[in-house]
């Protein structure tokens, strides 16, 4: 894209309240511009003209399309100075219905040099302007640096692309291909799906975005978030099941359906790569070995390692049972990464069996696995298993009311971490007293799916449900806001960060909220707010003394960071 700051001019609609405009005698020809206009990656309709080779656009369109962003501004009439005033940082106030005027592409219009006065934040500006049919048009080069906003011209697609300014500690960057949207929303799925957006903190100070969308794309960025390298990896089987960046190796899981229940058919393949993503080896799991017809079904799937042991904790739909149904449950695969062989029983009912399992997390505490699943009604609600793969201790962390098998639960997990003293689960939950019945599709009696941000904390010294305590970090039930599923980031043994995003009830994004917690889940300070940030499916990482994540939205990629408090 070619930078064209100063080439785009902006049209300002003058209402009668703004007074009378006087004009000079200089008149030039103006024609309707043929360029399409994009604001933060989204095409928006705007009136525009071309005058002497430069483009001019409606300032109220600009104000309306930037409203709610770091570049928002309002337009008022300064009576004392008899000038149109631009007030930066303030949401735009529309004037009536603001119906778009029609301008014919086949016509030539007269543009007359204008002497209208303009102020920006109370300061009178000297800005060259034109008038067409009673409306004022102003040069962008005098406005772009003062509002401010960014502008690019895509000559291949004939697009004028405008971006709001990036807030502090945020960075707009390039993606090697299509930046598939992964932004958080206020919708809560009944079950999770495979995580397809990952951020890796590399040992050389770079970070890599790993995304799965018909192929695996790895974009690597310098510390300043400049794109430096890109790799592509083809799927080895039709389904993507998960990615993991280990200490020495990377791992990707692929899969395929087995609806015919063929015992010898490969249903899951875990591939081992070096840190440059050169393929080393793989291990295959068959349908008969794992009783699987649908790998990764209705779950997320995550991996963790300890030494030469890799655990892939995922989900599956199992072979048809006596009741002629294909039940969904977790599937836990333990792999010796030196020989790339499966070392545990993958049978129909594993020692840590959870059915349903709508979300899966795995950690290692020393040599023992810590597995967390999001089930349905008690006794398989939010459940933790700790063990060596042959035997497990089981703890119910959070009991979900209702009947077993109901897919709607009113809770979602956002992260699982451990401190030196506790296992901590960040999640959200409705007020379950408002629900009269949980079904596969709805929570009867619940008017609005609003959820509080909560933690469940289990001390390592007492693996029993009686020892679990629940901490409410932020209440949203009954308010005008909705909170997203929270993120949980481990900074050190006894410092973590919980993040979530607020939305209004029309799903318009608001502030990102975050709070530090200690190793016992207790808030260490007040909840903080950041405007104009956006969370995503990508789980944040700690890199360069900051909590960092990226978000794709409207074809654009942004990195966001929060400096870690010492």
Protein backbone atom coordinates (compact mmCIF):
# COMPACT_ATOMS: atom_id res chain seq x y z
CA UNK A 1 0.00 0.00 0.00
CA UNK A 2 1.11 3.53 -0.77
CA UNK A 3 0.94 6.18 1.95
CA UNK A 4 -1.13 9.15 0.87
CA UNK A 5 -1.28 11.40 3.90
CA UNK A 6 -2.20 14.79 2.55
CA UNK A 7 -3.76 13.51 -0.65
CA UNK A 8 -7.23 12.84 0.76
CA UNK A 9 -9.45 15.84 1.39
CA UNK A 10 -12.47 15.80 3.63
CA UNK A 11 -15.94 17.19 3.05
CA UNK A 12 -17.69 18.93 5.93
CA UNK A 13 -21.48 19.23 5.83
CA UNK A 14 -22.46 22.71 7.06
CA UNK A 15 -25.86 22.89 8.74
CA UNK A 16 -27.77 26.20 9.04
CA UNK A 17 -26.73 26.42 12.70
CA UNK A 18 -23.12 26.83 11.55
CA UNK A 19 -23.78 30.24 9.95
CA UNK A 20 -23.09 31.63 6.49
CA UNK A 21 -20.01 30.76 4.43
CA UNK A 22 -18.29 33.21 2.06
CA UNK A 23 -16.41 32.07 -1.04
CA UNK A 24 -13.54 33.22 -3.20
CA UNK A 25 -13.82 33.36 -6.95
CA UNK A 26 -11.53 30.42 -7.66
CA UNK A 27 -13.65 27.65 -9.20
CA UNK A 28 -12.44 24.24 -10.36
CA UNK A 29 -14.13 21.07 -11.61
CA UNK A 30 -15.07 18.22 -9.25
CA UNK A 31 -16.23 14.69 -10.07
CA UNK A 32 -17.51 11.89 -7.83
CA UNK A 33 -14.58 9.76 -6.69
CA UNK A 34 -14.40 6.16 -7.86
CA UNK A 35 -12.44 4.88 -4.86
CA UNK A 36 -14.13 2.72 -2.22
CA UNK A 37 -13.54 3.65 1.42
CA UNK A 38 -12.56 1.35 4.28
CA UNK A 39 -12.48 2.24 7.97
CA UNK A 40 -10.44 -0.10 10.18
CA UNK A 41 -10.75 -2.80 7.54
CA UNK A 42 -14.51 -2.52 7.02
CA UNK A 43 -16.02 -0.97 3.89
CA UNK A 44 -18.26 1.99 4.66
CA UNK A 45 -20.32 4.18 2.35
CA UNK A 46 -18.98 7.74 2.06
CA UNK A 47 -19.67 10.65 -0.28
CA UNK A 48 -16.51 11.73 -2.05
CA UNK A 49 -15.20 13.92 -4.85
CA UNK A 50 -12.05 14.24 -6.88
CA UNK A 51 -10.76 17.77 -7.28
CA UNK A 52 -7.59 18.40 -9.28
CA UNK A 53 -6.45 14.82 -8.70
CA UNK A 54 -7.15 14.74 -4.94
CA UNK A 55 -9.99 12.97 -3.10
CA UNK A 56 -12.46 14.82 -0.83
CA UNK A 57 -14.87 13.12 1.62
CA UNK A 58 -17.73 13.95 3.93
CA UNK A 59 -16.34 14.89 7.34
CA UNK A 60 -19.49 13.74 9.08
CA UNK A 61 -19.05 10.33 7.44
CA UNK A 62 -15.52 10.30 8.78
CA UNK A 63 -16.66 11.32 12.27
CA UNK A 64 -19.44 8.74 12.28
CA UNK A 65 -17.18 5.90 11.12
CA UNK A 66 -14.41 6.71 13.61
CA UNK A 67 -16.80 7.15 16.54
CA UNK A 68 -15.98 4.69 19.31
CA UNK A 69 -12.34 4.42 18.24
CA UNK A 70 -9.17 6.22 19.43
CA UNK A 71 -9.64 8.66 16.51
CA UNK A 72 -13.21 9.67 17.32
CA UNK A 73 -14.16 13.34 17.09
CA UNK A 74 -17.27 15.50 17.23
CA UNK A 75 -18.26 18.52 15.13
CA UNK A 76 -19.73 21.62 16.78
CA UNK A 77 -20.32 25.31 16.01
CA UNK A 78 -18.12 27.75 17.90
CA UNK A 79 -20.41 30.76 18.19
CA UNK A 80 -17.79 33.09 19.66
CA UNK A 81 -15.39 32.63 16.75
CA UNK A 82 -18.06 31.90 14.13
CA UNK A 83 -16.16 28.75 13.20
CA UNK A 84 -16.76 25.06 12.71
CA UNK A 85 -14.97 23.25 15.53
CA UNK A 86 -13.64 19.70 15.58
CA UNK A 87 -13.43 18.28 19.12
CA UNK A 88 -11.08 15.29 19.19
CA UNK A 89 -11.51 12.34 21.53
CA UNK A 90 -15.27 12.86 21.84
CA UNK A 91 -17.93 10.57 20.38
CA UNK A 92 -19.68 11.98 17.33
CA UNK A 93 -23.13 13.55 17.76
CA UNK A 94 -25.25 12.89 14.63
CA UNK A 95 -27.33 15.68 13.13
CA UNK A 96 -30.84 14.31 12.57
CA UNK A 97 -31.10 11.34 10.22
CA UNK A 98 -28.08 12.41 8.15
CA UNK A 99 -29.43 10.85 4.99
CA UNK A 100 -26.74 10.51 2.33
CA UNK A 101 -27.03 12.89 -0.61
CA UNK A 102 -26.92 11.53 -4.12
CA UNK A 103 -24.23 12.74 -6.49
CA UNK A 104 -24.14 11.59 -10.10
CA UNK A 105 -20.95 10.02 -11.44
CA UNK A 106 -21.80 11.36 -14.91
CA UNK A 107 -21.89 14.99 -13.76
CA UNK A 108 -19.14 17.57 -13.28
CA UNK A 109 -19.57 19.78 -10.19
CA UNK A 110 -18.17 23.26 -9.49
CA UNK A 111 -15.79 23.45 -6.50
CA UNK A 112 -15.16 26.98 -5.20
CA UNK A 113 -12.29 27.94 -2.91
CA UNK A 114 -13.75 28.61 0.54
CA UNK A 115 -12.77 30.93 3.37
CA UNK A 116 -14.65 29.05 6.14
CA UNK A 117 -12.98 29.14 9.54
CA UNK A 118 -12.17 25.85 11.30
CA UNK A 119 -11.02 25.22 14.86
CA UNK A 120 -9.59 22.00 16.27
CA UNK A 121 -9.89 21.66 20.05
CA UNK A 122 -10.29 25.41 20.42
CA UNK A 123 -7.37 26.41 18.21
CA UNK A 124 -8.07 28.29 15.00
CA UNK A 125 -6.57 26.50 11.98
CA UNK A 126 -5.47 27.71 8.58
CA UNK A 127 -6.95 25.06 6.31
CA UNK A 128 -7.50 25.27 2.59
CA UNK A 129 -11.10 24.33 1.73
CA UNK A 130 -13.54 24.06 -1.19
CA UNK A 131 -17.31 24.39 -1.39
CA UNK A 132 -19.60 22.29 -3.59
CA UNK A 133 -23.31 23.11 -3.67
CA UNK A 134 -23.24 24.75 -0.25
CA UNK A 135 -21.13 22.15 1.53
CA UNK A 136 -17.54 22.61 2.71
CA UNK A 137 -14.68 20.25 1.95
CA UNK A 138 -11.36 20.36 3.85
CA UNK A 139 -7.86 19.07 3.21
CA UNK A 140 -6.96 15.87 5.04
CA UNK A 141 -3.26 16.72 5.33
CA UNK A 142 -4.22 19.45 7.80
CA UNK A 143 -6.49 17.09 9.75
CA UNK A 144 -4.86 13.65 9.72
CA UNK A 145 -2.07 14.60 12.10
CA UNK A 146 -4.35 16.58 14.39
CA UNK A 147 -7.33 14.22 14.85
CA UNK A 148 -5.29 11.93 14.19
CA UNK A 149 -5.82 8.89 11.95
CA UNK A 150 -3.86 6.89 9.39
CA UNK A 151 -4.49 6.56 5.69
CA UNK A 152 -3.32 4.23 2.95
CA UNK A 153 -4.20 3.85 -0.69
CA UNK A 154 -4.48 0.40 -2.26
CA UNK A 155 -3.88 1.14 -5.93
CA UNK A 156 -4.58 -2.45 -7.03
CA UNK A 157 -8.06 -2.46 -5.50
CA UNK A 158 -8.62 1.32 -5.77
CA UNK A 159 -9.37 1.59 -2.06
CA UNK A 160 -8.87 4.42 0.37
CA UNK A 161 -8.13 2.66 3.66
CA UNK A 162 -8.36 4.65 6.88
CA UNK A 163 -7.28 3.45 10.31
CA UNK A 164 -7.93 4.94 13.69
CA UNK A 165 -4.77 5.71 15.61
CA UNK A 166 -3.43 2.87 17.69
CA UNK A 167 -3.79 3.31 21.44
CA UNK A 168 -0.75 3.22 23.69
CA UNK A 169 0.86 -0.24 23.92
CA UNK A 170 -0.97 -1.45 20.82
CA UNK A 171 0.58 -2.11 17.40
CA UNK A 172 -1.04 -2.48 14.00
CA UNK A 173 0.90 -4.97 11.93
CA UNK A 174 0.81 -7.06 8.78
CA UNK A 175 -0.38 -10.62 8.40
CA UNK A 176 1.04 -12.80 5.63
CA UNK A 177 -2.41 -13.78 4.42
CA UNK A 178 -6.03 -13.22 5.31
CA UNK A 179 -6.29 -12.25 8.97
CA UNK A 180 -9.27 -14.42 9.91
CA UNK A 181 -11.40 -12.77 12.60
CA UNK A 182 -10.79 -14.19 16.08
CA UNK A 183 -12.08 -11.38 18.30
CA UNK A 184 -13.99 -12.16 21.49
CA UNK A 185 -17.73 -11.56 21.65
CA UNK A 186 -20.49 -11.55 24.24
CA UNK A 187 -21.91 -14.84 22.92
CA UNK A 188 -21.29 -17.97 24.98
CA UNK A 189 -21.19 -21.26 23.05
CA UNK A 190 -22.68 -24.40 24.56
CA UNK A 191 -19.38 -26.11 23.90
CA UNK A 192 -15.95 -25.02 22.75
CA UNK A 193 -14.29 -25.72 19.40
CA UNK A 194 -10.70 -26.41 18.54
CA UNK A 195 -8.43 -23.46 19.32
CA UNK A 196 -7.08 -22.12 16.02
CA UNK A 197 -5.14 -18.99 17.17
CA UNK A 198 -1.89 -19.25 19.12
CA UNK A 199 0.89 -16.87 20.13
CA UNK A 200 4.35 -18.28 20.88
CA UNK A 201 7.06 -16.44 22.81
CA UNK A 202 10.28 -17.55 21.10
CA UNK A 203 13.66 -17.83 22.80
CA UNK A 204 15.25 -15.21 20.51
CA UNK A 205 12.92 -12.38 21.55
CA UNK A 206 10.53 -12.78 18.62
CA UNK A 207 6.93 -13.94 18.81
CA UNK A 208 5.10 -16.18 16.35
CA UNK A 209 1.43 -16.23 15.43
CA UNK A 210 0.32 -19.78 14.62
CA UNK A 211 -3.09 -20.08 12.96
CA UNK A 212 -5.04 -22.97 11.50
CA UNK A 213 -7.37 -22.23 8.59
CA UNK A 214 -7.22 -24.97 5.91
CA UNK A 215 -3.44 -24.84 6.40
CA UNK A 216 -1.12 -23.90 9.24
CA UNK A 217 0.37 -20.40 8.93
CA UNK A 218 3.28 -19.28 11.10
CA UNK A 219 3.99 -15.52 11.06
CA UNK A 220 7.02 -14.43 13.09
CA UNK A 221 7.49 -10.88 14.40
CA UNK A 222 10.36 -8.91 15.85
CA UNK A 223 10.07 -7.29 19.26
CA UNK A 224 8.62 -4.20 17.51
CA UNK A 225 5.98 -6.44 15.83
CA UNK A 226 7.44 -6.13 12.36
CA UNK A 227 6.67 -9.23 10.29
CA UNK A 228 9.97 -10.95 9.47
CA UNK A 229 9.16 -14.51 8.34
CA UNK A 230 6.25 -16.68 7.23
CA UNK A 231 5.86 -20.45 6.91
CA UNK A 232 3.02 -22.65 5.67
CA UNK A 233 2.29 -26.26 6.66
CA UNK A 234 -0.33 -28.34 4.87
CA UNK A 235 -2.82 -30.36 6.90
CA UNK A 236 -1.85 -34.03 6.98
CA UNK A 237 -5.45 -35.03 7.74
CA UNK A 238 -8.64 -33.00 7.09
CA UNK A 239 -9.21 -31.83 10.69
CA UNK A 240 -7.02 -29.61 12.87
CA UNK A 241 -6.90 -30.67 16.52
CA UNK A 242 -4.42 -28.39 18.23
CA UNK A 243 -0.91 -26.92 18.39
CA UNK A 244 1.65 -26.93 21.17
CA UNK A 245 5.04 -25.25 21.47
CA UNK A 246 7.19 -27.39 23.75
CA UNK A 247 10.60 -26.85 25.25
CA UNK A 248 12.51 -28.38 22.33
CA UNK A 249 9.84 -29.36 19.81
CA UNK A 250 6.55 -28.24 18.32
CA UNK A 251 3.53 -30.51 17.96
CA UNK A 252 0.42 -30.38 15.76
CA UNK A 253 -2.55 -32.75 15.97
CA UNK A 254 -4.58 -33.64 12.87
CA UNK A 255 -7.59 -35.92 12.53
CA UNK A 256 -10.33 -37.33 10.35
CA UNK A 257 -13.82 -38.71 10.92
CA UNK A 258 -14.53 -42.40 11.17
CA UNK A 259 -18.32 -42.62 10.89
CA UNK A 260 -18.02 -46.12 9.43
CA UNK A 261 -16.39 -47.24 12.72
CA UNK A 262 -13.43 -48.79 10.95
CA UNK A 263 -11.09 -50.10 13.66
CA UNK A 264 -7.98 -49.78 11.49
CA UNK A 265 -8.65 -46.24 10.23
CA UNK A 266 -6.34 -43.49 11.47
CA UNK A 267 -8.44 -40.93 13.35
CA UNK A 268 -5.72 -38.81 15.03
CA UNK A 269 -2.12 -38.08 14.07
CA UNK A 270 0.22 -36.10 16.33
CA UNK A 271 3.18 -34.73 14.38
CA UNK A 272 6.48 -33.71 15.96
CA UNK A 273 8.50 -30.80 14.48
CA UNK A 274 11.71 -29.06 15.41
CA UNK A 275 11.57 -25.40 16.38
CA UNK A 276 11.92 -24.40 12.72
CA UNK A 277 8.86 -26.56 11.90
CA UNK A 278 10.82 -29.22 10.08
CA UNK A 279 8.87 -32.45 10.36
CA UNK A 280 10.58 -35.11 12.49
CA UNK A 281 8.09 -37.94 13.14
CA UNK A 282 4.52 -38.70 14.15
CA UNK A 283 2.28 -41.11 16.02
CA UNK A 284 -1.11 -42.38 14.82
CA UNK A 285 -4.23 -43.39 16.77
CA UNK A 286 -6.81 -45.64 15.11
CA UNK A 287 -10.56 -45.85 15.47
CA UNK A 288 -10.42 -49.23 17.19
CA UNK A 289 -7.69 -48.07 19.53
CA UNK A 290 -9.66 -45.03 20.71
CA UNK A 291 -13.32 -45.97 19.96
CA UNK A 292 -13.52 -42.71 18.00
CA UNK A 293 -15.87 -41.70 15.19
CA UNK A 294 -15.40 -37.93 15.54
CA UNK A 295 -12.07 -36.62 16.86
CA UNK A 296 -11.94 -33.22 18.60
CA UNK A 297 -15.75 -33.03 18.57
CA UNK A 298 -17.40 -30.31 20.72
CA UNK A 299 -14.21 -29.58 22.64
CA UNK A 300 -11.07 -27.48 22.56
CA UNK A 301 -8.07 -29.78 23.01
CA UNK A 302 -4.82 -28.69 24.68
CA UNK A 303 -1.35 -30.15 25.21
CA UNK A 304 1.36 -30.03 27.87
CA UNK A 305 4.68 -31.81 28.39
CA UNK A 306 7.03 -32.94 31.11
CA UNK A 307 10.36 -34.29 29.96
CA UNK A 308 9.68 -36.79 27.19
CA UNK A 309 5.98 -37.14 28.07
CA UNK A 310 3.37 -35.22 26.06
CA UNK A 311 -0.30 -35.21 27.05
CA UNK A 312 -2.95 -34.28 24.50
CA UNK A 313 -6.20 -33.73 26.41
CA UNK A 314 -8.98 -33.42 23.84
CA UNK A 315 -12.48 -34.66 23.03
CA UNK A 316 -14.15 -37.23 20.80
CA UNK A 317 -17.45 -38.75 19.77
CA UNK A 318 -17.30 -42.47 20.55
CA UNK A 319 -18.42 -45.62 18.75
CA UNK A 320 -22.14 -46.42 18.78
CA UNK A 321 -23.24 -47.88 22.11
CA UNK A 322 -26.08 -50.18 23.10
CA UNK A 323 -28.51 -47.25 23.17
CA UNK A 324 -27.60 -46.59 19.50
CA UNK A 325 -26.01 -43.22 20.31
CA UNK A 326 -22.55 -41.80 19.75
CA UNK A 327 -21.69 -40.26 23.09
CA UNK A 328 -19.20 -37.41 23.43
CA UNK A 329 -16.45 -37.43 26.06
CA UNK A 330 -12.88 -36.41 26.72
CA UNK A 331 -9.97 -38.31 25.21
CA UNK A 332 -6.59 -38.17 26.93
CA UNK A 333 -3.57 -39.30 24.87
CA UNK A 334 -0.18 -39.76 26.56
CA UNK A 335 2.79 -39.91 24.19
CA UNK A 336 6.44 -40.80 24.74
CA UNK A 337 8.00 -38.14 22.52
CA UNK A 338 11.36 -39.93 22.25
CA UNK A 339 9.78 -42.91 20.50
CA UNK A 340 6.54 -41.16 19.47
CA UNK A 341 4.40 -43.95 20.88
CA UNK A 342 1.15 -43.86 22.87
CA UNK A 343 1.70 -45.16 26.39
CA UNK A 344 -1.81 -45.21 27.87
CA UNK A 345 -5.11 -47.01 27.32
CA UNK A 346 -7.40 -45.04 25.00
CA UNK A 347 -10.46 -47.19 25.62
CA UNK A 348 -14.10 -46.23 25.78
CA UNK A 349 -13.89 -45.19 29.43
CA UNK A 350 -10.55 -43.87 30.62
CA UNK A 351 -9.53 -43.50 34.27
CA UNK A 352 -10.27 -39.78 34.02
CA UNK A 353 -13.49 -40.22 32.03
CA UNK A 354 -15.71 -37.11 31.66
CA UNK A 355 -18.89 -37.13 29.57
CA UNK A 356 -19.77 -34.62 28.26
CA UNK A 357 -16.49 -32.75 28.06
CA UNK A 358 -17.01 -29.37 26.38
CA UNK A 359 -13.60 -27.83 27.16
CA UNK A 360 -10.26 -29.37 28.15
CA UNK A 361 -7.12 -28.06 29.89
CA UNK A 362 -3.90 -29.80 30.92
CA UNK A 363 -0.90 -28.84 33.06
CA UNK A 364 1.97 -30.74 34.61
CA UNK A 365 2.72 -30.41 38.32
CA UNK A 366 6.09 -32.07 38.50
CA UNK A 367 5.58 -35.43 36.81
CA UNK A 368 1.82 -35.54 37.45
CA UNK A 369 -0.89 -34.43 35.05
CA UNK A 370 -3.50 -31.90 36.11
CA UNK A 371 -6.53 -32.21 33.82
CA UNK A 372 -9.59 -29.94 33.90
CA UNK A 373 -12.82 -30.58 31.97
CA UNK A 374 -16.02 -28.62 31.54
CA UNK A 375 -18.78 -31.20 31.84
CA UNK A 376 -22.51 -30.80 32.32
CA UNK A 377 -24.60 -31.39 35.45
CA UNK A 378 -23.15 -32.75 38.72
CA UNK A 379 -21.21 -34.99 39.28
CA UNK A 380 -19.37 -34.16 36.03
CA UNK A 381 -19.39 -30.37 36.13
CA UNK A 382 -16.09 -28.50 36.32
CA UNK A 383 -13.87 -31.41 37.32
CA UNK A 384 -10.14 -31.74 37.99
CA UNK A 385 -8.16 -34.97 37.72
CA UNK A 386 -4.61 -35.29 39.01
CA UNK A 387 -2.51 -38.37 38.40
CA UNK A 388 0.09 -40.27 36.43
CA UNK A 389 -2.11 -41.65 33.65
CA UNK A 390 -2.78 -44.93 35.43
CA UNK A 391 -4.70 -43.56 38.42
CA UNK A 392 -6.16 -40.16 39.22
CA UNK A 393 -7.56 -38.20 42.13
CA UNK A 394 -10.82 -36.48 41.20
CA UNK A 395 -12.14 -33.16 42.51
CA UNK A 396 -15.36 -31.39 41.54
CA UNK A 397 -14.46 -27.71 41.35
CA UNK A 398 -17.87 -26.26 40.51
CA UNK A 399 -21.24 -27.99 40.53
CA UNK A 400 -23.61 -27.18 37.65
CA UNK A 401 -27.31 -27.73 38.42
CA UNK A 402 -29.68 -29.48 36.03
CA UNK A 403 -29.91 -32.88 34.47
CA UNK A 404 -26.94 -34.84 33.22
CA UNK A 405 -26.57 -34.53 29.46
CA UNK A 406 -27.96 -30.99 29.09
CA UNK A 407 -25.65 -29.05 26.77
CA UNK A 408 -26.51 -25.63 28.19
CA UNK A 409 -24.68 -25.11 31.47
CA UNK A 410 -24.44 -21.33 32.00
CA UNK A 411 -20.69 -21.48 32.62
CA UNK A 412 -17.56 -21.21 30.46
CA UNK A 413 -13.92 -21.79 31.39
CA UNK A 414 -11.34 -19.31 30.16
CA UNK A 415 -8.09 -20.53 31.66
CA UNK A 416 -6.43 -22.95 34.08
CA UNK A 417 -3.11 -22.27 35.81
CA UNK A 418 -1.26 -23.28 38.95
CA UNK A 419 0.63 -21.24 41.51
CA UNK A 420 3.06 -22.56 44.10
CA UNK A 421 0.11 -23.32 46.37
CA UNK A 422 -3.06 -23.73 44.27
CA UNK A 423 -4.78 -24.79 41.07
CA UNK A 424 -6.81 -21.86 39.73
CA UNK A 425 -9.61 -21.90 37.14
CA UNK A 426 -10.85 -18.63 35.61
CA UNK A 427 -14.44 -18.89 34.38
CA UNK A 428 -17.78 -17.16 34.24
CA UNK A 429 -21.19 -18.18 35.53
CA UNK A 430 -24.83 -17.12 35.39
CA UNK A 431 -26.99 -16.82 38.50
CA UNK A 432 -28.22 -20.41 38.48
CA UNK A 433 -31.13 -19.58 40.79
CA UNK A 434 -32.78 -17.83 37.80
CA UNK A 435 -32.95 -21.04 35.73
CA UNK A 436 -35.88 -23.42 36.07
CA UNK A 437 -34.61 -26.01 33.57
CA UNK A 438 -31.44 -26.76 31.59
CA UNK A 439 -31.96 -28.35 28.20
CA UNK A 440 -29.75 -29.14 25.23
CA UNK A 441 -30.53 -25.73 23.70
CA UNK A 442 -31.60 -23.24 26.36
CA UNK A 443 -31.73 -22.27 30.02
CA UNK A 444 -35.45 -21.91 30.71
CA UNK A 445 -36.33 -18.83 32.76
CA UNK A 446 -33.08 -16.96 32.06
CA UNK A 447 -33.93 -13.67 30.34
CA UNK A 448 -30.36 -12.52 29.70
CA UNK A 449 -27.19 -14.61 29.55
CA UNK A 450 -25.08 -12.41 31.81
CA UNK A 451 -22.26 -14.00 33.76
CA UNK A 452 -20.07 -12.98 36.66
CA UNK A 453 -16.29 -13.37 36.42
CA UNK A 454 -15.22 -15.94 39.00
CA UNK A 455 -12.28 -18.10 40.08
CA UNK A 456 -12.36 -21.56 41.57
CA UNK A 457 -9.28 -22.23 43.69
CA UNK A 458 -8.11 -25.63 44.92
CA UNK A 459 -5.21 -25.82 47.41
CA UNK A 460 -2.59 -28.38 46.34
CA UNK A 461 -2.41 -29.68 49.91
CA UNK A 462 -6.06 -30.79 50.02
CA UNK A 463 -7.46 -32.44 46.89
CA UNK A 464 -11.10 -32.51 47.93
CA UNK A 465 -14.23 -30.68 46.84
CA UNK A 466 -14.67 -29.38 50.38
CA UNK A 467 -11.41 -27.45 50.03
CA UNK A 468 -12.43 -25.59 46.86
CA UNK A 469 -13.31 -21.94 47.33
CA UNK A 470 -14.94 -19.64 44.79
CA UNK A 471 -13.95 -16.00 44.37
CA UNK A 472 -16.10 -13.50 42.49
CA UNK A 473 -13.87 -10.95 40.79
CA UNK A 474 -16.55 -8.92 38.99
CA UNK A 475 -20.36 -9.02 39.03
CA UNK A 476 -22.33 -8.53 35.81
CA UNK A 477 -25.61 -10.35 36.42
CA UNK A 478 -28.41 -7.77 36.44
CA UNK A 479 -26.28 -4.94 35.03
CA UNK A 480 -26.32 -3.23 31.62
CA UNK A 481 -23.08 -4.95 30.60
CA UNK A 482 -21.95 -8.42 29.54
CA UNK A 483 -18.48 -9.79 30.29
CA UNK A 484 -16.66 -12.12 27.91
CA UNK A 485 -15.11 -15.43 28.90
CA UNK A 486 -12.04 -14.44 30.96
CA UNK A 487 -8.38 -15.13 30.19
CA UNK A 488 -5.88 -16.29 32.80
CA UNK A 489 -2.16 -15.56 32.38
CA UNK A 490 0.54 -16.92 34.67
CA UNK A 491 3.27 -14.33 35.23
CA UNK A 492 5.13 -16.07 38.06
CA UNK A 493 4.51 -18.70 40.73
CA UNK A 494 2.45 -16.25 42.75
CA UNK A 495 1.34 -13.57 40.31
CA UNK A 496 -1.27 -13.96 37.60
CA UNK A 497 -3.51 -11.72 35.53
CA UNK A 498 -7.20 -12.22 34.75
CA UNK A 499 -8.52 -10.36 31.69
CA UNK A 500 -11.97 -10.02 30.15
CA UNK A 501 -13.81 -7.66 27.80
CA UNK A 502 -17.02 -5.81 28.42
CA UNK A 503 -19.85 -5.56 25.86
CA UNK A 504 -23.19 -3.84 25.83
CA UNK A 505 -26.30 -5.93 25.22
CA UNK A 506 -26.09 -5.29 21.46
CA UNK A 507 -22.62 -6.93 21.41
CA UNK A 508 -20.76 -3.64 20.93
CA UNK A 509 -17.32 -4.02 22.51
CA UNK A 510 -16.29 -1.89 25.44
CA UNK A 511 -13.25 -1.75 27.70
CA UNK A 512 -10.83 -4.57 28.37
CA UNK A 513 -10.66 -5.20 32.11
CA UNK A 514 -7.84 -6.82 34.00
CA UNK A 515 -6.79 -7.51 37.56
CA UNK A 516 -3.74 -9.09 39.15
CA UNK A 517 -4.29 -12.01 41.50
CA UNK A 518 -1.93 -13.73 43.91
CA UNK A 519 -1.24 -17.46 44.21
CA UNK A 520 -4.40 -17.99 46.24
CA UNK A 521 -6.65 -16.26 43.73
CA UNK A 522 -7.03 -13.09 45.79
CA UNK A 523 -7.16 -9.81 43.83
CA UNK A 524 -3.92 -7.86 44.29
CA UNK A 525 -5.22 -4.35 43.60
CA UNK A 526 -8.19 -2.81 41.82
CA UNK A 527 -9.67 -3.86 38.47
CA UNK A 528 -8.10 -1.79 35.67
CA UNK A 529 -9.75 -0.65 32.41
CA UNK A 530 -8.23 -0.14 28.96
CA UNK A 531 -10.17 1.58 26.19
CA UNK A 532 -9.97 0.47 22.55
CA UNK A 533 -8.26 -2.87 23.25
CA UNK A 534 -9.82 -6.11 21.98
CA UNK A 535 -9.37 -9.63 23.34
CA UNK A 536 -9.41 -12.65 21.05
CA UNK A 537 -9.38 -16.43 21.02
CA UNK A 538 -5.58 -16.21 21.33
CA UNK A 539 -4.42 -16.78 24.89
CA UNK A 540 -2.02 -14.01 26.01
CA UNK A 541 1.64 -14.78 26.74
CA UNK A 542 4.30 -12.99 28.76
CA UNK A 543 6.98 -11.52 26.49
CA UNK A 544 9.51 -8.75 27.11
CA UNK A 545 8.02 -7.87 30.48
CA UNK A 546 4.52 -7.48 29.03
CA UNK A 547 1.36 -9.53 28.76
CA UNK A 548 0.87 -9.74 24.98
CA UNK A 549 -1.82 -11.06 22.63
CA UNK A 550 -3.04 -10.38 19.11
CA UNK A 551 -6.48 -9.91 17.60
CA UNK A 552 -7.63 -10.20 13.99
CA UNK A 553 -10.63 -8.05 13.10
CA UNK A 554 -11.99 -6.97 9.71
CA UNK A 555 -8.91 -8.30 7.95
CA UNK A 556 -6.49 -6.34 10.15
CA UNK A 557 -4.11 -7.64 12.84
CA UNK A 558 -3.33 -5.78 16.05
CA UNK A 559 -0.98 -6.68 18.88
CA UNK A 560 -1.94 -5.51 22.36
CA UNK A 561 0.28 -5.42 25.42
CA UNK A 562 0.07 -4.60 29.11
CA UNK A 563 3.35 -3.84 30.93
CA UNK A 564 3.64 -6.17 33.90
CA UNK A 565 3.54 -4.51 37.29
CA UNK A 566 6.56 -5.46 39.36
